[in-house]
Each structure stands twice: as C-alpha cells, then as structure tokens.
Amino acid sequence: MVWMFQKHPEEFAKYYHQRSNVESTFSMIKRKFSPFIRSRKSVSQRNEVLCLVVCHNISVLITCIFELNLDVNFEK
C-alpha cells in the first residue's frame, strides 16, 4: 500500500476514501445501536447486520429531513 500511495496517489486516495466511508458507517451503526451481534448462526448474523443497516439508513434519512427542513411527501 505504501508503494501504491507513492506511485499512484490519486488511485490510492479513491480507494482509501471508500474504505474510510465504510469504516465511519460501521462506527455509526455500532455507536447508535449495539457493538454486538446477538445471533448465533451465520445466516441469522447476516440478517441481523442487514437489519441494522436498514435501521441506520432510515435513521439518517429522518435526521436529514428534520435538520434540513425538507418537505417530504410520501403519497406519490
């Protein structure tokens, strides 16, 4: 990675930025909901994580609606 940073900094920055976005999103999910997965089976764990991601996305949307004073019409 050091070689890629030195030889191709723009390509490195693109991938690093994607990684930092993912890490910050997981950090937000862990802080808001729980840092633990309670399911035992792998399928259940996957479903639990997917549910947490959906809950996080809904939470972020609601926060944006109220902070930005958006007029949202769900009847369309």
PDB file of N, CA and C in Angstrom:
ATOM      1  N   MET A   1       0.812  -1.188   0.000  1.00  0.00           N
ATOM      2  CA  MET A   1       0.000   0.000   0.000  1.00  0.00           C
ATOM      3  C   MET A   1       0.864   1.265   0.000  1.00  0.00           C
ATOM      4  N   VAL A   2       2.017   1.186   0.636  1.00  0.00           N
ATOM      5  CA  VAL A   2       2.910   2.348   0.630  1.00  0.00           C
ATOM      6  C   VAL A   2       3.379   2.617  -0.782  1.00  0.00           C
ATOM      7  N   TRP A   3       3.694   1.553  -1.531  1.00  0.00           N
ATOM      8  CA  TRP A   3       4.122   1.714  -2.927  1.00  0.00           C
ATOM      9  C   TRP A   3       3.011   2.360  -3.744  1.00  0.00           C
ATOM     10  N   MET A   4       1.786   1.900  -3.552  1.00  0.00           N
ATOM     11  CA  MET A   4       0.662   2.464  -4.303  1.00  0.00           C
ATOM     12  C   MET A   4       0.453   3.935  -3.922  1.00  0.00           C
ATOM     13  N   PHE A   5       0.614   4.255  -2.640  1.00  0.00           N
ATOM     14  CA  PHE A   5       0.480   5.635  -2.202  1.00  0.00           C
ATOM     15  C   PHE A   5       1.535   6.526  -2.855  1.00  0.00           C
ATOM     16  N   GLN A   6       2.754   6.022  -2.985  1.00  0.00           N
ATOM     17  CA  GLN A   6       3.837   6.820  -3.545  1.00  0.00           C
ATOM     18  C   GLN A   6       3.755   6.922  -5.066  1.00  0.00           C
ATOM     19  N   LYS A   7       3.395   5.836  -5.743  1.00  0.00           N
ATOM     20  CA  LYS A   7       3.416   5.814  -7.206  1.00  0.00           C
ATOM     21  C   LYS A   7       2.109   6.276  -7.840  1.00  0.00           C
ATOM     22  N   HIS A   8       0.975   5.996  -7.203  1.00  0.00           N
ATOM     23  CA  HIS A   8      -0.333   6.330  -7.753  1.00  0.00           C
ATOM     24  C   HIS A   8      -1.218   6.954  -6.673  1.00  0.00           C
ATOM     25  N   PRO A   9      -0.886   8.181  -6.250  1.00  0.00           N
ATOM     26  CA  PRO A   9      -1.613   8.760  -5.118  1.00  0.00           C
ATOM     27  C   PRO A   9      -3.097   9.007  -5.395  1.00  0.00           C
ATOM     28  N   GLU A  10      -3.465   9.355  -6.634  1.00  0.00           N
ATOM     29  CA  GLU A  10      -4.879   9.614  -6.912  1.00  0.00           C
ATOM     30  C   GLU A  10      -5.711   8.333  -6.854  1.00  0.00           C
ATOM     31  N   GLU A  11      -5.160   7.232  -7.338  1.00  0.00           N
ATOM     32  CA  GLU A  11      -5.868   5.954  -7.255  1.00  0.00           C
ATOM     33  C   GLU A  11      -5.946   5.467  -5.805  1.00  0.00           C
ATOM     34  N   PHE A  12      -4.863   5.659  -5.059  1.00  0.00           N
ATOM     35  CA  PHE A  12      -4.862   5.297  -3.642  1.00  0.00           C
ATOM     36  C   PHE A  12      -5.916   6.092  -2.881  1.00  0.00           C
ATOM     37  N   ALA A  13      -6.013   7.380  -3.162  1.00  0.00           N
ATOM     38  CA  ALA A  13      -6.971   8.235  -2.461  1.00  0.00           C
ATOM     39  C   ALA A  13      -8.403   7.792  -2.730  1.00  0.00           C
ATOM     40  N   LYS A  14      -8.673   7.352  -3.971  1.00  0.00           N
ATOM     41  CA  LYS A  14     -10.021   6.910  -4.309  1.00  0.00           C
ATOM     42  C   LYS A  14     -10.414   5.700  -3.468  1.00  0.00           C
ATOM     43  N   TYR A  15      -9.537   4.713  -3.383  1.00  0.00           N
ATOM     44  CA  TYR A  15      -9.846   3.512  -2.619  1.00  0.00           C
ATOM     45  C   TYR A  15      -9.820   3.777  -1.110  1.00  0.00           C
ATOM     46  N   TYR A  16      -8.927   4.627  -0.669  1.00  0.00           N
ATOM     47  CA  TYR A  16      -8.868   4.940   0.757  1.00  0.00           C
ATOM     48  C   TYR A  16     -10.132   5.666   1.190  1.00  0.00           C
ATOM     49  N   HIS A  17     -10.632   6.549   0.344  1.00  0.00           N
ATOM     50  CA  HIS A  17     -11.848   7.280   0.679  1.00  0.00           C
ATOM     51  C   HIS A  17     -13.038   6.324   0.797  1.00  0.00           C
ATOM     52  N   GLN A  18     -13.118   5.330  -0.081  1.00  0.00           N
ATOM     53  CA  GLN A  18     -14.186   4.333   0.020  1.00  0.00           C
ATOM     54  C   GLN A  18     -14.076   3.576   1.340  1.00  0.00           C
ATOM     55  N   ARG A  19     -12.871   3.205   1.698  1.00  0.00           N
ATOM     56  CA  ARG A  19     -12.655   2.469   2.943  1.00  0.00           C
ATOM     57  C   ARG A  19     -13.037   3.315   4.145  1.00  0.00           C
ATOM     58  N   SER A  20     -12.647   4.573   4.151  1.00  0.00           N
ATOM     59  CA  SER A  20     -12.962   5.425   5.292  1.00  0.00           C
ATOM     60  C   SER A  20     -14.469   5.635   5.416  1.00  0.00           C
ATOM     61  N   ASN A  21     -15.185   5.700   4.296  1.00  0.00           N
ATOM     62  CA  ASN A  21     -16.647   5.814   4.347  1.00  0.00           C
ATOM     63  C   ASN A  21     -17.269   4.580   4.994  1.00  0.00           C
ATOM     64  N   VAL A  22     -16.801   3.418   4.608  1.00  0.00           N
ATOM     65  CA  VAL A  22     -17.330   2.177   5.169  1.00  0.00           C
ATOM     66  C   VAL A  22     -17.032   2.096   6.653  1.00  0.00           C
ATOM     67  N   GLU A  23     -15.817   2.424   7.055  1.00  0.00           N
ATOM     68  CA  GLU A  23     -15.452   2.358   8.468  1.00  0.00           C
ATOM     69  C   GLU A  23     -16.258   3.343   9.306  1.00  0.00           C
ATOM     70  N   SER A  24     -16.482   4.534   8.794  1.00  0.00           N
ATOM     71  CA  SER A  24     -17.261   5.503   9.568  1.00  0.00           C
ATOM     72  C   SER A  24     -18.726   5.082   9.665  1.00  0.00           C
ATOM     73  N   THR A  25     -19.256   4.441   8.618  1.00  0.00           N
ATOM     74  CA  THR A  25     -20.633   3.959   8.666  1.00  0.00           C
ATOM     75  C   THR A  25     -20.777   2.845   9.688  1.00  0.00           C
ATOM     76  N   PHE A  26     -19.867   1.891   9.698  1.00  0.00           N
ATOM     77  CA  PHE A  26     -19.917   0.823  10.703  1.00  0.00           C
ATOM     78  C   PHE A  26     -19.769   1.397  12.115  1.00  0.00           C
ATOM     79  N   SER A  27     -18.929   2.402  12.272  1.00  0.00           N
ATOM     80  CA  SER A  27     -18.763   3.035  13.571  1.00  0.00           C
ATOM     81  C   SER A  27     -20.068   3.693  14.023  1.00  0.00           C
ATOM     82  N   MET A  28     -20.751   4.369  13.109  1.00  0.00           N
ATOM     83  CA  MET A  28     -22.030   4.995  13.440  1.00  0.00           C
ATOM     84  C   MET A  28     -23.058   3.947  13.861  1.00  0.00           C
ATOM     85  N   ILE A  29     -23.110   2.842  13.140  1.00  0.00           N
ATOM     86  CA  ILE A  29     -24.063   1.775  13.455  1.00  0.00           C
ATOM     87  C   ILE A  29     -23.768   1.196  14.832  1.00  0.00           C
ATOM     88  N   LYS A  30     -22.495   0.954  15.124  1.00  0.00           N
ATOM     89  CA  LYS A  30     -22.122   0.385  16.423  1.00  0.00           C
ATOM     90  C   LYS A  30     -22.433   1.336  17.567  1.00  0.00           C
ATOM     91  N   ARG A  31     -22.202   2.637  17.370  1.00  0.00           N
ATOM     92  CA  ARG A  31     -22.483   3.604  18.429  1.00  0.00           C
ATOM     93  C   ARG A  31     -23.982   3.784  18.654  1.00  0.00           C
ATOM     94  N   LYS A  32     -24.741   3.791  17.580  1.00  0.00           N
ATOM     95  CA  LYS A  32     -26.171   4.063  17.703  1.00  0.00           C
ATOM     96  C   LYS A  32     -26.951   2.861  18.225  1.00  0.00           C
ATOM     97  N   PHE A  33     -26.646   1.678  17.738  1.00  0.00           N
ATOM     98  CA  PHE A  33     -27.451   0.511  18.070  1.00  0.00           C
ATOM     99  C   PHE A  33     -26.745  -0.405  19.064  1.00  0.00           C
ATOM    100  N   SER A  34     -25.774  -1.137  18.612  1.00  0.00           N
ATOM    101  CA  SER A  34     -25.066  -2.036  19.518  1.00  0.00           C
ATOM    102  C   SER A  34     -23.775  -2.498  18.854  1.00  0.00           C
ATOM    103  N   PRO A  35     -22.712  -2.624  19.622  1.00  0.00           N
ATOM    104  CA  PRO A  35     -21.466  -3.114  19.026  1.00  0.00           C
ATOM    105  C   PRO A  35     -21.430  -4.636  18.905  1.00  0.00           C
ATOM    106  N   PHE A  36     -22.515  -5.302  19.303  1.00  0.00           N
ATOM    107  CA  PHE A  36     -22.535  -6.764  19.301  1.00  0.00           C
ATOM    108  C   PHE A  36     -23.625  -7.304  18.388  1.00  0.00           C
ATOM    109  N   ILE A  37     -23.356  -8.457  17.816  1.00  0.00           N
ATOM    110  CA  ILE A  37     -24.363  -9.219  17.082  1.00  0.00           C
ATOM    111  C   ILE A  37     -24.783 -10.351  18.011  1.00  0.00           C
ATOM    112  N   ARG A  38     -26.069 -10.482  18.217  1.00  0.00           N
ATOM    113  CA  ARG A  38     -26.540 -11.442  19.208  1.00  0.00           C
ATOM    114  C   ARG A  38     -26.892 -12.803  18.621  1.00  0.00           C
ATOM    115  N   SER A  39     -26.996 -12.884  17.322  1.00  0.00           N
ATOM    116  CA  SER A  39     -27.376 -14.149  16.690  1.00  0.00           C
ATOM    117  C   SER A  39     -26.222 -15.140  16.728  1.00  0.00           C
ATOM    118  N   ARG A  40     -26.576 -16.407  16.691  1.00  0.00           N
ATOM    119  CA  ARG A  40     -25.543 -17.447  16.774  1.00  0.00           C
ATOM    120  C   ARG A  40     -25.214 -18.034  15.404  1.00  0.00           C
ATOM    121  N   LYS A  41     -26.215 -18.251  14.588  1.00  0.00           N
ATOM    122  CA  LYS A  41     -25.988 -18.859  13.277  1.00  0.00           C
ATOM    123  C   LYS A  41     -25.583 -17.790  12.263  1.00  0.00           C
ATOM    124  N   SER A  42     -24.799 -18.199  11.277  1.00  0.00           N
ATOM    125  CA  SER A  42     -24.258 -17.233  10.319  1.00  0.00           C
ATOM    126  C   SER A  42     -25.351 -16.566   9.489  1.00  0.00           C
ATOM    127  N   VAL A  43     -26.375 -17.309   9.116  1.00  0.00           N
ATOM    128  CA  VAL A  43     -27.478 -16.722   8.344  1.00  0.00           C
ATOM    129  C   VAL A  43     -28.203 -15.675   9.192  1.00  0.00           C
ATOM    130  N   SER A  44     -28.423 -15.992  10.442  1.00  0.00           N
ATOM    131  CA  SER A  44     -29.078 -15.056  11.358  1.00  0.00           C
ATOM    132  C   SER A  44     -28.205 -13.832  11.603  1.00  0.00           C
ATOM    133  N   GLN A  45     -26.909 -14.023  11.691  1.00  0.00           N
ATOM    134  CA  GLN A  45     -25.990 -12.897  11.871  1.00  0.00           C
ATOM    135  C   GLN A  45     -26.044 -11.956  10.672  1.00  0.00           C
ATOM    136  N   ARG A  46     -26.046 -12.556   9.502  1.00  0.00           N
ATOM    137  CA  ARG A  46     -26.119 -11.740   8.281  1.00  0.00           C
ATOM    138  C   ARG A  46     -27.417 -10.939   8.246  1.00  0.00           C
ATOM    139  N   ASN A  47     -28.531 -11.603   8.584  1.00  0.00           N
ATOM    140  CA  ASN A  47     -29.813 -10.913   8.592  1.00  0.00           C
ATOM    141  C   ASN A  47     -29.850  -9.805   9.640  1.00  0.00           C
ATOM    142  N   GLU A  48     -29.255 -10.039  10.773  1.00  0.00           N
ATOM    143  CA  GLU A  48     -29.210  -9.028  11.820  1.00  0.00           C
ATOM    144  C   GLU A  48     -28.413  -7.809  11.372  1.00  0.00           C
ATOM    145  N   VAL A  49     -27.286  -8.041  10.735  1.00  0.00           N
ATOM    146  CA  VAL A  49     -26.476  -6.922  10.243  1.00  0.00           C
ATOM    147  C   VAL A  49     -27.227  -6.155   9.157  1.00  0.00           C
ATOM    148  N   LEU A  50     -27.898  -6.863   8.270  1.00  0.00           N
ATOM    149  CA  LEU A  50     -28.669  -6.188   7.225  1.00  0.00           C
ATOM    150  C   LEU A  50     -29.797  -5.360   7.821  1.00  0.00           C
ATOM    151  N   CYS A  51     -30.445  -5.869   8.858  1.00  0.00           N
ATOM    152  CA  CYS A  51     -31.495  -5.103   9.541  1.00  0.00           C
ATOM    153  C   CYS A  51     -30.918  -3.854  10.204  1.00  0.00           C
ATOM    154  N   LEU A  52     -29.743  -3.976  10.787  1.00  0.00           N
ATOM    155  CA  LEU A  52     -29.096  -2.810  11.395  1.00  0.00           C
ATOM    156  C   LEU A  52     -28.770  -1.752  10.342  1.00  0.00           C
ATOM    157  N   VAL A  53     -28.339  -2.198   9.176  1.00  0.00           N
ATOM    158  CA  VAL A  53     -28.028  -1.258   8.091  1.00  0.00           C
ATOM    159  C   VAL A  53     -29.292  -0.538   7.627  1.00  0.00           C
ATOM    160  N   VAL A  54     -30.394  -1.262   7.492  1.00  0.00           N
ATOM    161  CA  VAL A  54     -31.660  -0.639   7.098  1.00  0.00           C
ATOM    162  C   VAL A  54     -32.104   0.368   8.163  1.00  0.00           C
ATOM    163  N   CYS A  55     -32.017  -0.007   9.426  1.00  0.00           N
ATOM    164  CA  CYS A  55     -32.380   0.904  10.520  1.00  0.00           C
ATOM    165  C   CYS A  55     -31.493   2.139  10.525  1.00  0.00           C
ATOM    166  N   HIS A  56     -30.226   1.960  10.270  1.00  0.00           N
ATOM    167  CA  HIS A  56     -29.293   3.091  10.210  1.00  0.00           C
ATOM    168  C   HIS A  56     -29.680   4.031   9.069  1.00  0.00           C
ATOM    169  N   ASN A  57     -29.969   3.474   7.903  1.00  0.00           N
ATOM    170  CA  ASN A  57     -30.338   4.301   6.752  1.00  0.00           C
ATOM    171  C   ASN A  57     -31.611   5.088   7.024  1.00  0.00           C
ATOM    172  N   ILE A  58     -32.603   4.454   7.640  1.00  0.00           N
ATOM    173  CA  ILE A  58     -33.842   5.158   7.980  1.00  0.00           C
ATOM    174  C   ILE A  58     -33.555   6.272   8.984  1.00  0.00           C
ATOM    175  N   SER A  59     -32.730   5.990   9.952  1.00  0.00           N
ATOM    176  CA  SER A  59     -32.370   6.982  10.963  1.00  0.00           C
ATOM    177  C   SER A  59     -31.684   8.193  10.333  1.00  0.00           C
ATOM    178  N   VAL A  60     -30.771   7.936   9.415  1.00  0.00           N
ATOM    179  CA  VAL A  60     -30.058   9.034   8.747  1.00  0.00           C
ATOM    180  C   VAL A  60     -31.025   9.853   7.895  1.00  0.00           C
ATOM    181  N   LEU A  61     -31.945   9.197   7.204  1.00  0.00           N
ATOM    182  CA  LEU A  61     -32.925   9.920   6.399  1.00  0.00           C
ATOM    183  C   LEU A  61     -33.805  10.811   7.268  1.00  0.00           C
ATOM    184  N   ILE A  62     -34.268  10.287   8.384  1.00  0.00           N
ATOM    185  CA  ILE A  62     -35.113  11.078   9.276  1.00  0.00           C
ATOM    186  C   ILE A  62     -34.345  12.279   9.827  1.00  0.00           C
ATOM    187  N   THR A  63     -33.101  12.052  10.206  1.00  0.00           N
ATOM    188  CA  THR A  63     -32.269  13.153  10.708  1.00  0.00           C
ATOM    189  C   THR A  63     -32.097  14.232   9.646  1.00  0.00           C
ATOM    190  N   CYS A  64     -31.837  13.835   8.413  1.00  0.00           N
ATOM    191  CA  CYS A  64     -31.669  14.809   7.324  1.00  0.00           C
ATOM    192  C   CYS A  64     -32.957  15.576   7.055  1.00  0.00           C
ATOM    193  N   ILE A  65     -34.084  14.897   7.110  1.00  0.00           N
ATOM    194  CA  ILE A  65     -35.370  15.564   6.881  1.00  0.00           C
ATOM    195  C   ILE A  65     -35.576  16.676   7.899  1.00  0.00           C
ATOM    196  N   PHE A  66     -35.300  16.404   9.171  1.00  0.00           N
ATOM    197  CA  PHE A  66     -35.526  17.408  10.205  1.00  0.00           C
ATOM    198  C   PHE A  66     -34.449  18.482  10.234  1.00  0.00           C
ATOM    199  N   GLU A  67     -33.202  18.121  10.009  1.00  0.00           N
ATOM    200  CA  GLU A  67     -32.129  19.119  10.053  1.00  0.00           C
ATOM    201  C   GLU A  67     -32.179  20.070   8.869  1.00  0.00           C
ATOM    202  N   LEU A  68     -32.569  19.567   7.707  1.00  0.00           N
ATOM    203  CA  LEU A  68     -32.596  20.394   6.503  1.00  0.00           C
ATOM    204  C   LEU A  68     -33.976  20.975   6.215  1.00  0.00           C
ATOM    205  N   ASN A  69     -34.933  20.718   7.106  1.00  0.00           N
ATOM    206  CA  ASN A  69     -36.307  21.203   6.944  1.00  0.00           C
ATOM    207  C   ASN A  69     -36.875  20.852   5.574  1.00  0.00           C
ATOM    208  N   LEU A  70     -36.731  19.602   5.197  1.00  0.00           N
ATOM    209  CA  LEU A  70     -37.233  19.146   3.901  1.00  0.00           C
ATOM    210  C   LEU A  70     -38.729  18.885   3.981  1.00  0.00           C
ATOM    211  N   ASP A  71     -39.419  19.233   2.900  1.00  0.00           N
ATOM    212  CA  ASP A  71     -40.837  18.945   2.801  1.00  0.00           C
ATOM    213  C   ASP A  71     -40.981  17.627   2.055  1.00  0.00           C
ATOM    214  N   VAL A  72     -41.302  16.570   2.782  1.00  0.00           N
ATOM    215  CA  VAL A  72     -41.349  15.233   2.205  1.00  0.00           C
ATOM    216  C   VAL A  72     -42.798  14.820   2.037  1.00  0.00           C
ATOM    217  N   ASN A  73     -43.110  14.332   0.837  1.00  0.00           N
ATOM    218  CA  ASN A  73     -44.452  13.860   0.552  1.00  0.00           C
ATOM    219  C   ASN A  73     -44.360  12.394   0.155  1.00  0.00           C
ATOM    220  N   PHE A  74     -44.867  11.517   1.009  1.00  0.00           N
ATOM    221  CA  PHE A  74     -44.785  10.083   0.754  1.00  0.00           C
ATOM    222  C   PHE A  74     -45.995   9.555  -0.010  1.00  0.00           C
ATOM    223  N   GLU A  75     -46.911  10.426  -0.387  1.00  0.00           N
ATOM    224  CA  GLU A  75     -48.123   9.989  -1.069  1.00  0.00           C
ATOM    225  C   GLU A  75     -47.920   9.746  -2.558  1.00  0.00           C
ATOM    226  N   LYS A  76     -46.835  10.158  -3.110  1.00  0.00           N
ATOM    227  CA  LYS A  76     -46.586   9.993  -4.551  1.00  0.00           C
ATOM    228  C   LYS A  76     -46.258   8.583  -4.895  1.00  0.00           C
TER     229      LYS A  76
END
